[in-house]
C-alpha cells in the first residue's frame, strides 16, 4: 500500500464549504419570496441530497 500524500486544507474542504454556502443561500431564499425564488431555493436545497446520492452511487462501484 502506498502512503497517502498530504493535501492542503483548501483541497479537502472546498467542496463541503461550497455545499454549505449553497444550502445556506437556499434556506435564506426560501424565506424571502414566493414564485421563482421558491424554485431557486428548491434547487439549492437539492444540492446536498444530490451530492450524497452521487457519492453513494460512486462508492458502490
C-alpha atoms as a PDB file:
ATOM      1  CA  UNK A   1       0.000   0.000   0.000  1.00  0.00           C
ATOM      2  CA  UNK A   2       1.484   3.337  -0.966  1.00  0.00           C
ATOM      3  CA  UNK A   3       1.423   6.212   1.530  1.00  0.00           C
ATOM      4  CA  UNK A   4      -1.114   8.974   1.139  1.00  0.00           C
ATOM      5  CA  UNK A   5       0.069  12.349   0.030  1.00  0.00           C
ATOM      6  CA  UNK A   6      -0.714  15.363   2.182  1.00  0.00           C
ATOM      7  CA  UNK A   7      -3.281  17.718   0.702  1.00  0.00           C
ATOM      8  CA  UNK A   8      -3.808  21.343   1.674  1.00  0.00           C
ATOM      9  CA  UNK A   9      -6.875  22.203   3.742  1.00  0.00           C
ATOM     10  CA  UNK A  10      -8.475  24.082   0.857  1.00  0.00           C
ATOM     11  CA  UNK A  11      -8.377  20.939  -1.281  1.00  0.00           C
ATOM     12  CA  UNK A  12     -10.072  18.966   1.487  1.00  0.00           C
ATOM     13  CA  UNK A  13     -12.756  21.460   2.485  1.00  0.00           C
ATOM     14  CA  UNK A  14     -13.533  23.241  -0.808  1.00  0.00           C
ATOM     15  CA  UNK A  15     -16.500  21.109  -1.888  1.00  0.00           C
ATOM     16  CA  UNK A  16     -18.102  20.813   1.595  1.00  0.00           C
ATOM     17  CA  UNK A  17     -17.780  24.586   2.003  1.00  0.00           C
ATOM     18  CA  UNK A  18     -19.405  25.184  -1.379  1.00  0.00           C
ATOM     19  CA  UNK A  19     -22.263  22.813  -0.499  1.00  0.00           C
ATOM     20  CA  UNK A  20     -22.754  24.613   2.829  1.00  0.00           C
ATOM     21  CA  UNK A  21     -22.860  28.023   1.136  1.00  0.00           C
ATOM     22  CA  UNK A  22     -25.363  26.857  -1.498  1.00  0.00           C
ATOM     23  CA  UNK A  23     -27.544  25.276   1.196  1.00  0.00           C
ATOM     24  CA  UNK A  24     -27.453  28.449   3.288  1.00  0.00           C
ATOM     25  CA  UNK A  25     -28.394  30.521   0.260  1.00  0.00           C
ATOM     26  CA  UNK A  26     -31.274  28.126  -0.419  1.00  0.00           C
ATOM     27  CA  UNK A  27     -32.569  28.433   3.126  1.00  0.00           C
ATOM     28  CA  UNK A  28     -32.388  32.231   3.017  1.00  0.00           C
ATOM     29  CA  UNK A  29     -34.107  32.474  -0.365  1.00  0.00           C
ATOM     30  CA  UNK A  30     -36.871  30.166   0.866  1.00  0.00           C
ATOM     31  CA  UNK A  31     -37.713  32.781   3.479  1.00  0.00           C
ATOM     32  CA  UNK A  32     -37.722  35.733   1.108  1.00  0.00           C
ATOM     33  CA  UNK A  33     -40.406  35.366  -1.525  1.00  0.00           C
ATOM     34  CA  UNK A  34     -42.700  33.046  -3.479  1.00  0.00           C
ATOM     35  CA  UNK A  35     -42.724  32.022  -7.107  1.00  0.00           C
ATOM     36  CA  UNK A  36     -39.416  31.833  -8.924  1.00  0.00           C
ATOM     37  CA  UNK A  37     -37.490  32.312  -5.691  1.00  0.00           C
ATOM     38  CA  UNK A  38     -39.068  29.120  -4.351  1.00  0.00           C
ATOM     39  CA  UNK A  39     -37.753  27.243  -7.374  1.00  0.00           C
ATOM     40  CA  UNK A  40     -34.268  28.622  -6.721  1.00  0.00           C
ATOM     41  CA  UNK A  41     -34.447  27.547  -3.088  1.00  0.00           C
ATOM     42  CA  UNK A  42     -35.624  24.047  -4.049  1.00  0.00           C
ATOM     43  CA  UNK A  43     -32.734  23.751  -6.494  1.00  0.00           C
ATOM     44  CA  UNK A  44     -30.234  24.969  -3.914  1.00  0.00           C
ATOM     45  CA  UNK A  45     -31.576  22.675  -1.207  1.00  0.00           C
ATOM     46  CA  UNK A  46     -31.403  19.666  -3.515  1.00  0.00           C
ATOM     47  CA  UNK A  47     -27.623  20.073  -3.932  1.00  0.00           C
ATOM     48  CA  UNK A  48     -26.645  18.226  -0.696  1.00  0.00           C
ATOM     49  CA  UNK A  49     -29.094  15.418  -1.471  1.00  0.00           C
ATOM     50  CA  UNK A  50     -27.736  15.040  -4.997  1.00  0.00           C
ATOM     51  CA  UNK A  51     -24.142  15.155  -3.746  1.00  0.00           C
ATOM     52  CA  UNK A  52     -24.836  12.421  -1.194  1.00  0.00           C
ATOM     53  CA  UNK A  53     -26.574  10.268  -3.817  1.00  0.00           C
ATOM     54  CA  UNK A  54     -23.692  10.792  -6.237  1.00  0.00           C
ATOM     55  CA  UNK A  55     -21.110   9.767  -3.593  1.00  0.00           C
ATOM     56  CA  UNK A  56     -23.181   6.764  -2.550  1.00  0.00           C
ATOM     57  CA  UNK A  57     -23.566   5.636  -6.160  1.00  0.00           C
ATOM     58  CA  UNK A  58     -19.872   6.118  -6.881  1.00  0.00           C
ATOM     59  CA  UNK A  59     -18.853   4.186  -3.767  1.00  0.00           C
ATOM     60  CA  UNK A  60     -20.788   1.062  -4.821  1.00  0.00           C
ATOM     61  CA  UNK A  61     -18.661   0.555  -7.944  1.00  0.00           C
END
